[in-house]
Amino acid sequence: MTVAVETGLWQLDQTASTVAVRHKTMWGLVTVKGTFTTVSGQGEVRPDGTAHGSVTLDAASLDTKHAKRDTHLRSADFFDADNHPEITFAVRGAEAGQDDTVQVTGQLTVRGISRPQSFTAKASDAGADAVTLTAEFTVDRDQFGMSWNQLSMMRGLTTVTATLRFTRATA
C-alpha cells in the first residue's frame, strides 16, 4: 500500500499529537524521558505531490516529571528557552515510500542552530480529512550547542519520538 494524502492545507491536531525525547544519563544507567506539552504545526500537500510544512515545540514545555531537572533543561546549559523559546522542524520535502512510509527531509532548529535532518515516518489512519505520522530518529545534542555534561554522565544520542495527527484545515 502506498501513502496517498489529499492535496491542500493541513493543521496539526495538538490534542492527538505528541513529541517525546529520551536520553541515557548517569553513564548509561538511567534513561531520562520527557514530553513537550505544547506542539503546533501545519503543512501543505501541493497538486504535484510535494509536501512542505513545520512543527514547532515550545522549548519550555518539556516535562520530565522532575521540576528541578526541567528547570535545568530550560536553562542556558541545554535549551536556553528564555533566548530560544521555540524548537522547529521545517519540512523541505516528503516522499511516499513503500508500506505506508514517508521519507521526510527538513531542517531542525534548536537554540537558533539549524541542521539538516531526515527520517522515515509511518503514515496511518490516512483518509480524506486526517492522517497520522509516527517517527523515531536520533539527534546529537552537541550539534545544537548543548554540550553540558557534568562528570561525563551524558553520552550518546537523544532519541526523538513523534506521533503527529494532521487534519484538513478549514478554509
N, C-alpha and C. Protein backbone atom coordinates (compact mmCIF):
# COMPACT_ATOMS: atom_id res chain seq x y z
N MET A 1 0.84 -1.18 0.00
CA MET A 1 0.00 0.00 0.00
C MET A 1 0.88 1.24 0.00
N THR A 2 0.49 2.25 -0.72
CA THR A 2 1.24 3.49 -0.81
C THR A 2 0.46 4.61 -0.14
N VAL A 3 1.17 5.51 0.50
CA VAL A 3 0.54 6.63 1.16
C VAL A 3 -0.04 7.58 0.12
N ALA A 4 -1.29 7.95 0.30
CA ALA A 4 -1.93 8.92 -0.59
C ALA A 4 -2.66 9.92 0.29
N VAL A 5 -2.13 11.13 0.36
CA VAL A 5 -2.74 12.17 1.18
C VAL A 5 -3.28 13.23 0.24
N GLU A 6 -4.49 13.66 0.52
CA GLU A 6 -5.16 14.66 -0.31
C GLU A 6 -4.37 15.97 -0.34
N THR A 7 -4.42 16.64 -1.48
CA THR A 7 -3.79 17.96 -1.59
C THR A 7 -4.55 18.96 -0.73
N GLY A 8 -3.85 20.00 -0.35
CA GLY A 8 -4.48 21.06 0.43
C GLY A 8 -3.70 21.38 1.69
N LEU A 9 -4.32 22.17 2.55
CA LEU A 9 -3.71 22.61 3.79
C LEU A 9 -4.10 21.68 4.94
N TRP A 10 -3.14 21.41 5.80
CA TRP A 10 -3.34 20.51 6.93
C TRP A 10 -2.88 21.18 8.22
N GLN A 11 -3.60 20.93 9.30
CA GLN A 11 -3.30 21.53 10.60
C GLN A 11 -3.00 20.43 11.61
N LEU A 12 -1.99 20.63 12.45
CA LEU A 12 -1.67 19.66 13.48
C LEU A 12 -2.75 19.64 14.54
N ASP A 13 -3.25 18.47 14.87
CA ASP A 13 -4.21 18.30 15.96
C ASP A 13 -3.39 18.17 17.25
N GLN A 14 -3.33 19.25 18.02
CA GLN A 14 -2.49 19.28 19.22
C GLN A 14 -2.92 18.26 20.27
N THR A 15 -4.21 17.96 20.32
CA THR A 15 -4.69 17.03 21.35
C THR A 15 -4.39 15.58 21.01
N ALA A 16 -4.10 15.29 19.74
CA ALA A 16 -3.83 13.91 19.33
C ALA A 16 -2.37 13.72 18.90
N SER A 17 -1.51 14.68 19.23
CA SER A 17 -0.11 14.63 18.81
C SER A 17 0.82 14.69 20.02
N THR A 18 1.94 13.98 19.93
CA THR A 18 2.94 14.03 20.99
C THR A 18 4.34 14.04 20.39
N VAL A 19 5.24 14.74 21.07
CA VAL A 19 6.66 14.69 20.74
C VAL A 19 7.39 14.44 22.06
N ALA A 20 8.15 13.35 22.09
CA ALA A 20 8.85 12.96 23.31
C ALA A 20 10.33 12.76 23.01
N VAL A 21 11.14 12.87 24.06
CA VAL A 21 12.58 12.63 23.95
C VAL A 21 13.00 11.65 25.04
N ARG A 22 14.10 10.95 24.76
CA ARG A 22 14.71 10.12 25.79
C ARG A 22 16.21 10.13 25.58
N HIS A 23 16.93 10.13 26.70
CA HIS A 23 18.39 10.19 26.64
C HIS A 23 18.96 9.41 27.82
N LYS A 24 20.00 8.65 27.55
CA LYS A 24 20.69 7.92 28.62
C LYS A 24 21.58 8.89 29.39
N THR A 25 21.54 8.76 30.70
CA THR A 25 22.37 9.60 31.56
C THR A 25 22.92 8.71 32.68
N MET A 26 23.62 9.29 33.59
CA MET A 26 24.25 8.53 34.69
C MET A 26 25.06 7.37 34.11
N TRP A 27 25.92 7.73 33.13
CA TRP A 27 26.82 6.78 32.47
C TRP A 27 26.06 5.63 31.81
N GLY A 28 24.87 5.94 31.29
CA GLY A 28 24.08 4.95 30.57
C GLY A 28 23.19 4.08 31.44
N LEU A 29 23.15 4.36 32.73
CA LEU A 29 22.37 3.54 33.65
C LEU A 29 20.91 3.99 33.78
N VAL A 30 20.65 5.25 33.48
CA VAL A 30 19.31 5.81 33.66
C VAL A 30 18.86 6.45 32.34
N THR A 31 17.62 6.21 31.97
CA THR A 31 17.06 6.86 30.79
C THR A 31 16.11 7.96 31.25
N VAL A 32 16.42 9.19 30.86
CA VAL A 32 15.56 10.32 31.16
C VAL A 32 14.58 10.46 30.00
N LYS A 33 13.30 10.54 30.33
CA LYS A 33 12.25 10.68 29.33
C LYS A 33 11.47 11.96 29.58
N GLY A 34 11.06 12.60 28.51
CA GLY A 34 10.26 13.82 28.64
C GLY A 34 9.36 14.00 27.43
N THR A 35 8.33 14.81 27.62
CA THR A 35 7.37 15.11 26.57
C THR A 35 7.19 16.62 26.47
N PHE A 36 7.15 17.12 25.25
CA PHE A 36 6.84 18.53 25.03
C PHE A 36 5.32 18.66 25.08
N THR A 37 4.83 19.48 25.98
CA THR A 37 3.38 19.60 26.16
C THR A 37 2.73 20.61 25.24
N THR A 38 3.53 21.45 24.58
CA THR A 38 2.99 22.43 23.65
C THR A 38 3.62 22.22 22.28
N VAL A 39 2.80 21.72 21.35
CA VAL A 39 3.24 21.38 20.00
C VAL A 39 2.24 22.00 19.02
N SER A 40 2.75 22.62 17.96
CA SER A 40 1.87 23.15 16.92
C SER A 40 2.49 22.84 15.56
N GLY A 41 1.68 22.97 14.53
CA GLY A 41 2.22 22.72 13.20
C GLY A 41 1.17 22.81 12.12
N GLN A 42 1.65 22.84 10.90
CA GLN A 42 0.79 22.88 9.74
C GLN A 42 1.58 22.38 8.54
N GLY A 43 0.87 22.07 7.49
CA GLY A 43 1.54 21.61 6.29
C GLY A 43 0.66 21.81 5.07
N GLU A 44 1.28 21.62 3.92
CA GLU A 44 0.56 21.71 2.67
C GLU A 44 1.02 20.60 1.76
N VAL A 45 0.06 19.90 1.18
CA VAL A 45 0.35 18.94 0.12
C VAL A 45 -0.10 19.60 -1.17
N ARG A 46 0.85 19.80 -2.06
CA ARG A 46 0.58 20.51 -3.32
C ARG A 46 0.11 19.53 -4.39
N PRO A 47 -0.55 20.04 -5.43
CA PRO A 47 -1.05 19.17 -6.50
C PRO A 47 0.02 18.29 -7.15
N ASP A 48 1.28 18.76 -7.15
CA ASP A 48 2.35 17.95 -7.75
C ASP A 48 2.85 16.86 -6.81
N GLY A 49 2.23 16.76 -5.61
CA GLY A 49 2.59 15.72 -4.66
C GLY A 49 3.64 16.12 -3.65
N THR A 50 4.25 17.30 -3.81
CA THR A 50 5.25 17.74 -2.84
C THR A 50 4.55 18.20 -1.56
N ALA A 51 5.27 18.07 -0.47
CA ALA A 51 4.72 18.47 0.83
C ALA A 51 5.72 19.37 1.54
N HIS A 52 5.21 20.39 2.19
CA HIS A 52 6.01 21.32 2.97
C HIS A 52 5.23 21.67 4.22
N GLY A 53 5.93 22.07 5.26
CA GLY A 53 5.25 22.46 6.49
C GLY A 53 6.23 22.62 7.62
N SER A 54 5.70 22.70 8.83
CA SER A 54 6.56 22.84 10.00
C SER A 54 5.86 22.33 11.25
N VAL A 55 6.69 21.92 12.19
CA VAL A 55 6.22 21.55 13.52
C VAL A 55 7.04 22.38 14.50
N THR A 56 6.37 23.01 15.46
CA THR A 56 7.03 23.87 16.43
C THR A 56 6.75 23.37 17.84
N LEU A 57 7.80 23.29 18.63
CA LEU A 57 7.70 22.89 20.03
C LEU A 57 8.04 24.09 20.91
N ASP A 58 7.31 24.26 21.99
CA ASP A 58 7.65 25.26 22.99
C ASP A 58 8.75 24.64 23.85
N ALA A 59 9.98 25.17 23.74
CA ALA A 59 11.12 24.60 24.45
C ALA A 59 10.89 24.51 25.96
N ALA A 60 10.17 25.48 26.51
CA ALA A 60 9.92 25.50 27.96
C ALA A 60 8.85 24.50 28.38
N SER A 61 8.20 23.86 27.42
CA SER A 61 7.11 22.93 27.77
C SER A 61 7.60 21.50 27.99
N LEU A 62 8.92 21.25 27.91
CA LEU A 62 9.42 19.90 28.14
C LEU A 62 9.15 19.49 29.57
N ASP A 63 8.48 18.38 29.75
CA ASP A 63 8.10 17.87 31.07
C ASP A 63 8.69 16.48 31.25
N THR A 64 9.63 16.37 32.21
CA THR A 64 10.24 15.07 32.53
C THR A 64 9.71 14.52 33.85
N LYS A 65 8.71 15.18 34.41
CA LYS A 65 8.12 14.79 35.70
C LYS A 65 9.09 14.99 36.87
N HIS A 66 10.05 15.92 36.68
CA HIS A 66 11.02 16.25 37.73
C HIS A 66 11.30 17.75 37.60
N ALA A 67 10.70 18.56 38.47
CA ALA A 67 10.72 20.02 38.33
C ALA A 67 12.14 20.61 38.29
N LYS A 68 13.03 20.14 39.16
CA LYS A 68 14.39 20.69 39.19
C LYS A 68 15.13 20.37 37.89
N ARG A 69 14.97 19.16 37.39
CA ARG A 69 15.60 18.79 36.12
C ARG A 69 15.01 19.62 34.98
N ASP A 70 13.68 19.80 34.97
CA ASP A 70 13.04 20.58 33.92
C ASP A 70 13.56 22.02 33.90
N THR A 71 13.75 22.61 35.07
CA THR A 71 14.30 23.96 35.15
C THR A 71 15.70 23.99 34.55
N HIS A 72 16.50 22.97 34.86
CA HIS A 72 17.86 22.92 34.31
C HIS A 72 17.83 22.73 32.79
N LEU A 73 16.92 21.91 32.29
CA LEU A 73 16.83 21.70 30.84
C LEU A 73 16.41 22.98 30.10
N ARG A 74 15.67 23.85 30.77
CA ARG A 74 15.25 25.12 30.16
C ARG A 74 16.36 26.17 30.19
N SER A 75 17.40 25.93 31.00
CA SER A 75 18.48 26.90 31.20
C SER A 75 19.42 26.95 30.00
N ALA A 76 20.40 27.86 30.09
CA ALA A 76 21.39 28.03 29.02
C ALA A 76 22.26 26.80 28.83
N ASP A 77 22.32 25.90 29.82
CA ASP A 77 23.09 24.66 29.67
C ASP A 77 22.49 23.75 28.59
N PHE A 78 21.19 23.87 28.39
CA PHE A 78 20.52 22.99 27.43
C PHE A 78 19.72 23.81 26.41
N PHE A 79 18.40 23.91 26.56
CA PHE A 79 17.56 24.53 25.53
C PHE A 79 17.62 26.05 25.51
N ASP A 80 18.07 26.69 26.59
CA ASP A 80 18.13 28.15 26.66
C ASP A 80 16.80 28.76 26.22
N ALA A 81 15.74 28.28 26.86
CA ALA A 81 14.37 28.63 26.46
C ALA A 81 14.07 30.12 26.55
N ASP A 82 14.75 30.85 27.43
CA ASP A 82 14.50 32.29 27.52
C ASP A 82 14.93 33.00 26.24
N ASN A 83 16.03 32.57 25.64
CA ASN A 83 16.54 33.20 24.43
C ASN A 83 16.09 32.50 23.14
N HIS A 84 15.73 31.23 23.27
CA HIS A 84 15.32 30.43 22.10
C HIS A 84 14.07 29.64 22.48
N PRO A 85 12.92 30.32 22.53
CA PRO A 85 11.71 29.68 23.06
C PRO A 85 11.11 28.59 22.18
N GLU A 86 11.52 28.51 20.91
CA GLU A 86 10.92 27.52 20.03
C GLU A 86 11.95 26.57 19.44
N ILE A 87 11.54 25.34 19.28
CA ILE A 87 12.28 24.33 18.54
C ILE A 87 11.43 24.06 17.30
N THR A 88 12.02 24.14 16.12
CA THR A 88 11.22 23.95 14.92
C THR A 88 11.82 22.88 14.01
N PHE A 89 10.93 22.20 13.33
CA PHE A 89 11.32 21.31 12.24
C PHE A 89 10.57 21.79 11.02
N ALA A 90 11.33 22.28 10.04
CA ALA A 90 10.73 22.76 8.79
C ALA A 90 10.88 21.67 7.74
N VAL A 91 9.75 21.17 7.28
CA VAL A 91 9.75 20.11 6.27
C VAL A 91 10.10 20.73 4.92
N ARG A 92 11.12 20.20 4.29
CA ARG A 92 11.54 20.66 2.95
C ARG A 92 11.01 19.71 1.87
N GLY A 93 10.72 18.48 2.28
CA GLY A 93 10.20 17.52 1.32
C GLY A 93 9.71 16.27 2.02
N ALA A 94 8.74 15.62 1.42
CA ALA A 94 8.21 14.36 1.93
C ALA A 94 7.81 13.52 0.73
N GLU A 95 8.38 12.33 0.66
CA GLU A 95 8.15 11.47 -0.49
C GLU A 95 7.61 10.12 -0.01
N ALA A 96 6.51 9.70 -0.58
CA ALA A 96 5.91 8.42 -0.21
C ALA A 96 6.85 7.29 -0.59
N GLY A 97 6.97 6.34 0.34
CA GLY A 97 7.78 5.15 0.10
C GLY A 97 6.88 3.93 0.03
N GLN A 98 7.41 2.80 0.38
CA GLN A 98 6.64 1.56 0.39
C GLN A 98 6.07 1.31 1.78
N ASP A 99 5.04 0.49 1.84
CA ASP A 99 4.46 0.07 3.11
C ASP A 99 4.06 1.24 4.00
N ASP A 100 3.40 2.23 3.43
CA ASP A 100 2.90 3.38 4.18
C ASP A 100 3.99 4.22 4.82
N THR A 101 5.19 4.21 4.27
CA THR A 101 6.25 5.05 4.81
C THR A 101 6.35 6.34 4.02
N VAL A 102 6.93 7.34 4.67
CA VAL A 102 7.17 8.64 4.05
C VAL A 102 8.60 9.03 4.41
N GLN A 103 9.39 9.35 3.40
CA GLN A 103 10.76 9.83 3.62
C GLN A 103 10.67 11.35 3.80
N VAL A 104 11.02 11.82 4.99
CA VAL A 104 10.90 13.23 5.32
C VAL A 104 12.29 13.86 5.40
N THR A 105 12.45 14.99 4.75
CA THR A 105 13.69 15.76 4.85
C THR A 105 13.34 17.16 5.31
N GLY A 106 14.23 17.74 6.08
CA GLY A 106 13.96 19.09 6.56
C GLY A 106 15.10 19.68 7.32
N GLN A 107 14.77 20.72 8.07
CA GLN A 107 15.73 21.49 8.83
C GLN A 107 15.26 21.56 10.28
N LEU A 108 16.07 21.04 11.21
CA LEU A 108 15.77 21.11 12.63
C LEU A 108 16.52 22.29 13.22
N THR A 109 15.80 23.16 13.96
CA THR A 109 16.41 24.32 14.58
C THR A 109 16.19 24.26 16.08
N VAL A 110 17.30 24.22 16.82
CA VAL A 110 17.30 24.19 18.28
C VAL A 110 18.32 25.24 18.74
N ARG A 111 17.94 26.09 19.67
CA ARG A 111 18.84 27.14 20.20
C ARG A 111 19.35 28.06 19.10
N GLY A 112 18.56 28.24 18.03
CA GLY A 112 18.96 29.11 16.94
C GLY A 112 19.95 28.47 15.98
N ILE A 113 20.26 27.21 16.17
CA ILE A 113 21.19 26.48 15.31
C ILE A 113 20.38 25.52 14.45
N SER A 114 20.55 25.62 13.13
CA SER A 114 19.80 24.77 12.20
C SER A 114 20.71 23.71 11.59
N ARG A 115 20.18 22.51 11.50
CA ARG A 115 20.89 21.39 10.90
C ARG A 115 19.91 20.59 10.05
N PRO A 116 20.39 20.00 8.94
CA PRO A 116 19.51 19.13 8.16
C PRO A 116 19.16 17.88 8.96
N GLN A 117 17.96 17.40 8.78
CA GLN A 117 17.51 16.19 9.47
C GLN A 117 16.60 15.42 8.53
N SER A 118 16.83 14.13 8.40
CA SER A 118 15.98 13.26 7.59
C SER A 118 15.59 12.05 8.41
N PHE A 119 14.42 11.53 8.12
CA PHE A 119 13.95 10.33 8.82
C PHE A 119 12.82 9.71 8.03
N THR A 120 12.47 8.50 8.40
CA THR A 120 11.35 7.79 7.80
C THR A 120 10.19 7.83 8.77
N ALA A 121 9.03 8.25 8.29
CA ALA A 121 7.81 8.27 9.11
C ALA A 121 6.87 7.19 8.58
N LYS A 122 6.01 6.73 9.44
CA LYS A 122 4.98 5.76 9.07
C LYS A 122 3.64 6.48 9.07
N ALA A 123 2.91 6.39 7.99
CA ALA A 123 1.58 7.01 7.90
C ALA A 123 0.53 5.98 8.26
N SER A 124 -0.44 6.41 9.05
CA SER A 124 -1.56 5.54 9.41
C SER A 124 -2.83 6.37 9.49
N ASP A 125 -3.94 5.71 9.52
CA ASP A 125 -5.24 6.38 9.60
C ASP A 125 -5.38 7.47 8.55
N ALA A 126 -4.80 7.23 7.36
CA ALA A 126 -4.86 8.23 6.30
C ALA A 126 -6.22 8.20 5.64
N GLY A 127 -6.84 9.36 5.57
CA GLY A 127 -8.13 9.50 4.92
C GLY A 127 -8.23 10.86 4.27
N ALA A 128 -9.42 11.18 3.83
CA ALA A 128 -9.63 12.46 3.15
C ALA A 128 -9.45 13.64 4.11
N ASP A 129 -9.69 13.43 5.41
CA ASP A 129 -9.68 14.55 6.34
C ASP A 129 -8.64 14.45 7.45
N ALA A 130 -7.86 13.36 7.51
CA ALA A 130 -6.87 13.22 8.57
C ALA A 130 -5.81 12.20 8.19
N VAL A 131 -4.63 12.36 8.79
CA VAL A 131 -3.54 11.40 8.64
C VAL A 131 -2.66 11.50 9.88
N THR A 132 -2.13 10.37 10.32
CA THR A 132 -1.22 10.33 11.46
C THR A 132 0.14 9.88 10.97
N LEU A 133 1.17 10.61 11.37
CA LEU A 133 2.55 10.25 11.05
C LEU A 133 3.27 9.92 12.35
N THR A 134 3.98 8.80 12.37
CA THR A 134 4.79 8.44 13.53
C THR A 134 6.23 8.28 13.06
N ALA A 135 7.15 8.73 13.88
CA ALA A 135 8.56 8.65 13.52
C ALA A 135 9.42 8.59 14.78
N GLU A 136 10.58 7.99 14.60
CA GLU A 136 11.59 7.98 15.66
C GLU A 136 12.93 8.22 14.99
N PHE A 137 13.71 9.16 15.54
CA PHE A 137 15.02 9.46 14.99
C PHE A 137 15.91 9.97 16.11
N THR A 138 17.20 10.03 15.85
CA THR A 138 18.15 10.47 16.86
C THR A 138 18.74 11.82 16.49
N VAL A 139 19.13 12.54 17.54
CA VAL A 139 19.72 13.87 17.39
C VAL A 139 20.96 13.93 18.27
N ASP A 140 22.03 14.50 17.73
CA ASP A 140 23.25 14.73 18.50
C ASP A 140 23.13 16.11 19.13
N ARG A 141 22.89 16.16 20.42
CA ARG A 141 22.65 17.44 21.10
C ARG A 141 23.85 18.38 21.02
N ASP A 142 25.06 17.83 20.90
CA ASP A 142 26.25 18.67 20.77
C ASP A 142 26.19 19.55 19.53
N GLN A 143 25.55 19.07 18.46
CA GLN A 143 25.45 19.86 17.22
C GLN A 143 24.57 21.10 17.39
N PHE A 144 23.82 21.14 18.49
CA PHE A 144 22.93 22.28 18.74
C PHE A 144 23.38 23.09 19.96
N GLY A 145 24.66 22.97 20.30
CA GLY A 145 25.22 23.76 21.38
C GLY A 145 24.83 23.29 22.77
N MET A 146 24.38 22.06 22.90
CA MET A 146 24.01 21.52 24.22
C MET A 146 25.06 20.51 24.64
N SER A 147 26.23 21.02 25.03
CA SER A 147 27.34 20.13 25.35
C SER A 147 27.56 19.96 26.85
N TRP A 148 26.70 20.54 27.66
CA TRP A 148 26.85 20.39 29.11
C TRP A 148 26.85 18.90 29.44
N ASN A 149 27.84 18.49 30.23
CA ASN A 149 27.98 17.07 30.53
C ASN A 149 28.82 16.90 31.79
N GLN A 150 28.24 17.19 32.92
CA GLN A 150 28.94 17.11 34.19
C GLN A 150 29.40 15.69 34.46
N LEU A 151 30.69 15.55 34.75
CA LEU A 151 31.30 14.25 35.07
C LEU A 151 31.10 13.22 33.96
N SER A 152 30.91 13.68 32.73
CA SER A 152 30.70 12.79 31.57
C SER A 152 29.52 11.84 31.77
N MET A 153 28.48 12.30 32.48
CA MET A 153 27.32 11.45 32.76
C MET A 153 26.45 11.21 31.54
N MET A 154 26.44 12.15 30.60
CA MET A 154 25.53 12.06 29.45
C MET A 154 26.31 11.66 28.21
N ARG A 155 25.95 10.52 27.66
CA ARG A 155 26.63 10.02 26.47
C ARG A 155 25.60 9.65 25.41
N GLY A 156 26.07 9.62 24.19
CA GLY A 156 25.23 9.12 23.11
C GLY A 156 24.25 10.16 22.58
N LEU A 157 23.34 9.65 21.78
CA LEU A 157 22.38 10.48 21.07
C LEU A 157 21.06 10.56 21.83
N THR A 158 20.32 11.62 21.57
CA THR A 158 18.97 11.77 22.11
C THR A 158 17.99 11.21 21.09
N THR A 159 17.05 10.40 21.54
CA THR A 159 16.04 9.84 20.66
C THR A 159 14.78 10.68 20.75
N VAL A 160 14.26 11.04 19.59
CA VAL A 160 13.01 11.80 19.49
C VAL A 160 11.95 10.87 18.91
N THR A 161 10.79 10.82 19.56
CA THR A 161 9.67 10.02 19.08
C THR A 161 8.48 10.96 18.90
N ALA A 162 7.91 10.94 17.70
CA ALA A 162 6.79 11.85 17.41
C ALA A 162 5.60 11.07 16.84
N THR A 163 4.44 11.41 17.34
CA THR A 163 3.17 10.97 16.74
C THR A 163 2.41 12.25 16.43
N LEU A 164 2.22 12.50 15.15
CA LEU A 164 1.64 13.77 14.70
C LEU A 164 0.37 13.48 13.91
N ARG A 165 -0.75 13.98 14.41
CA ARG A 165 -2.04 13.81 13.75
C ARG A 165 -2.38 15.12 13.05
N PHE A 166 -2.53 15.07 11.73
CA PHE A 166 -2.90 16.23 10.95
C PHE A 166 -4.33 16.08 10.44
N THR A 167 -5.07 17.17 10.50
CA THR A 167 -6.43 17.18 9.97
C THR A 167 -6.50 18.26 8.89
N ARG A 168 -7.42 18.04 7.97
CA ARG A 168 -7.57 19.00 6.88
C ARG A 168 -7.99 20.35 7.47
N ALA A 169 -7.28 21.40 7.06
CA ALA A 169 -7.58 22.76 7.54
C ALA A 169 -8.84 23.25 6.84
N THR A 170 -9.67 23.92 7.61
CA THR A 170 -10.87 24.51 7.04
C THR A 170 -10.52 25.84 6.41
N ALA A 171 -11.20 26.16 5.33
CA ALA A 171 -10.91 27.40 4.58
C ALA A 171 -11.31 28.63 5.34
